Protein backbone atom coordinates (compact mmCIF):
# COMPACT_ATOMS: atom_id res chain seq x y z
CA UNK A 1 135.30 120.30 206.87
CA UNK A 2 133.41 123.49 206.57
CA UNK A 3 131.85 125.83 204.05
CA UNK A 4 135.20 127.83 203.33
CA UNK A 5 136.90 124.93 202.44
CA UNK A 6 137.95 124.12 198.71
CA UNK A 7 137.98 120.17 198.63
CA UNK A 8 138.90 118.79 195.30
CA UNK A 9 139.50 114.90 194.29
CA UNK A 10 142.55 113.11 195.76
CA UNK A 11 145.00 112.07 193.39
CA UNK A 12 144.01 108.63 191.31
CA UNK A 13 140.36 109.44 191.97
CA UNK A 14 137.70 110.52 189.25
CA UNK A 15 134.22 109.86 188.20
CA UNK A 16 133.13 107.62 185.86
CA UNK A 17 132.06 110.05 182.61
CA UNK A 18 128.26 108.16 182.40
CA UNK A 19 127.76 106.43 185.37
CA UNK A 20 127.33 107.05 189.39
CA UNK A 21 130.64 105.45 190.19
CA UNK A 22 133.71 106.83 191.68
CA UNK A 23 136.94 105.29 190.07
CA UNK A 24 139.68 105.00 192.74
CA UNK A 25 142.93 103.30 192.75
CA UNK A 26 141.74 100.39 194.95
CA UNK A 27 138.68 99.85 192.26
CA UNK A 28 135.32 101.80 192.45
CA UNK A 29 132.81 103.29 194.61
CA UNK A 30 129.01 103.28 193.74
CA UNK A 31 127.26 106.76 194.02
CA UNK A 32 123.97 107.27 194.96
CA UNK A 33 121.61 110.32 195.20
CA UNK A 34 123.40 113.54 194.25
CA UNK A 35 126.75 112.34 195.50
CA UNK A 36 127.67 112.19 191.89
CA UNK A 37 126.51 115.70 191.44
CA UNK A 38 128.14 117.00 194.53
CA UNK A 39 131.58 115.02 193.71
CA UNK A 40 131.36 116.72 190.24
CA UNK A 41 132.13 120.31 191.68
CA UNK A 42 134.86 119.36 193.33
CA UNK A 43 137.91 121.27 191.99
CA UNK A 44 139.91 122.62 194.54
CA UNK A 45 138.86 126.21 193.56
CA UNK A 46 135.34 126.61 194.51
CA UNK A 47 134.31 126.18 198.01
CA UNK A 48 131.74 124.09 199.96
CA UNK A 49 129.39 127.17 200.18
CA UNK A 50 130.08 127.52 196.50
CA UNK A 51 129.18 124.15 195.93
CA UNK A 52 126.04 124.36 197.99
CA UNK A 53 124.72 127.32 196.04
CA UNK A 54 125.12 125.54 192.31
CA UNK A 55 123.61 122.54 193.55
CA UNK A 56 120.31 124.96 195.17
CA UNK A 57 119.94 125.98 191.20
CA UNK A 58 120.21 122.33 190.10
CA UNK A 59 117.70 121.39 192.72
CA UNK A 60 115.17 123.89 192.49
CA UNK A 61 112.71 123.70 195.94
CA UNK A 62 115.15 121.87 197.89
CA UNK A 63 115.83 123.35 201.28
CA UNK A 64 119.27 125.21 201.65
CA UNK A 65 120.20 123.56 205.30
CA UNK A 66 119.03 120.08 203.79
CA UNK A 67 121.93 120.46 200.75
CA UNK A 68 124.35 122.06 203.29
CA UNK A 69 123.88 119.01 205.37
CA UNK A 70 124.15 116.28 202.55
CA UNK A 71 127.32 118.07 201.27
CA UNK A 72 129.24 118.43 204.50
CA UNK A 73 128.18 114.56 205.29
CA UNK A 74 129.24 113.38 201.98
CA UNK A 75 132.41 115.18 202.09
CA UNK A 76 133.50 114.45 205.30
CA UNK A 77 133.19 110.62 204.55
CA UNK A 78 134.78 110.77 201.59
CA UNK A 79 137.66 112.61 202.97
CA UNK A 80 137.91 109.58 205.67
CA UNK A 81 138.30 107.09 202.55
CA UNK A 82 140.86 109.29 201.43
CA UNK A 83 138.94 109.95 198.45
CA UNK A 84 138.39 113.86 199.02
CA UNK A 85 141.57 116.14 199.77
CA UNK A 86 141.05 120.04 201.26
């Protein structure tokens, strides 16, 4: 996945409204760190670069390269599990 991709959650996958959990057809995935915040931005309309920009506003003082690497890493893992689509 690259910065121009516009990821979205796969069909049947959604975030729990109050907990750091992703509901998937096979059960649940426990989310750690900023994973919930990252996945909450996936709507199929915003690019990865735009999501990074939004997260930079949310997490003031964090290095852009660090956030970008975290976002790309998480999205790649979630895409391999079938939770995220491009």
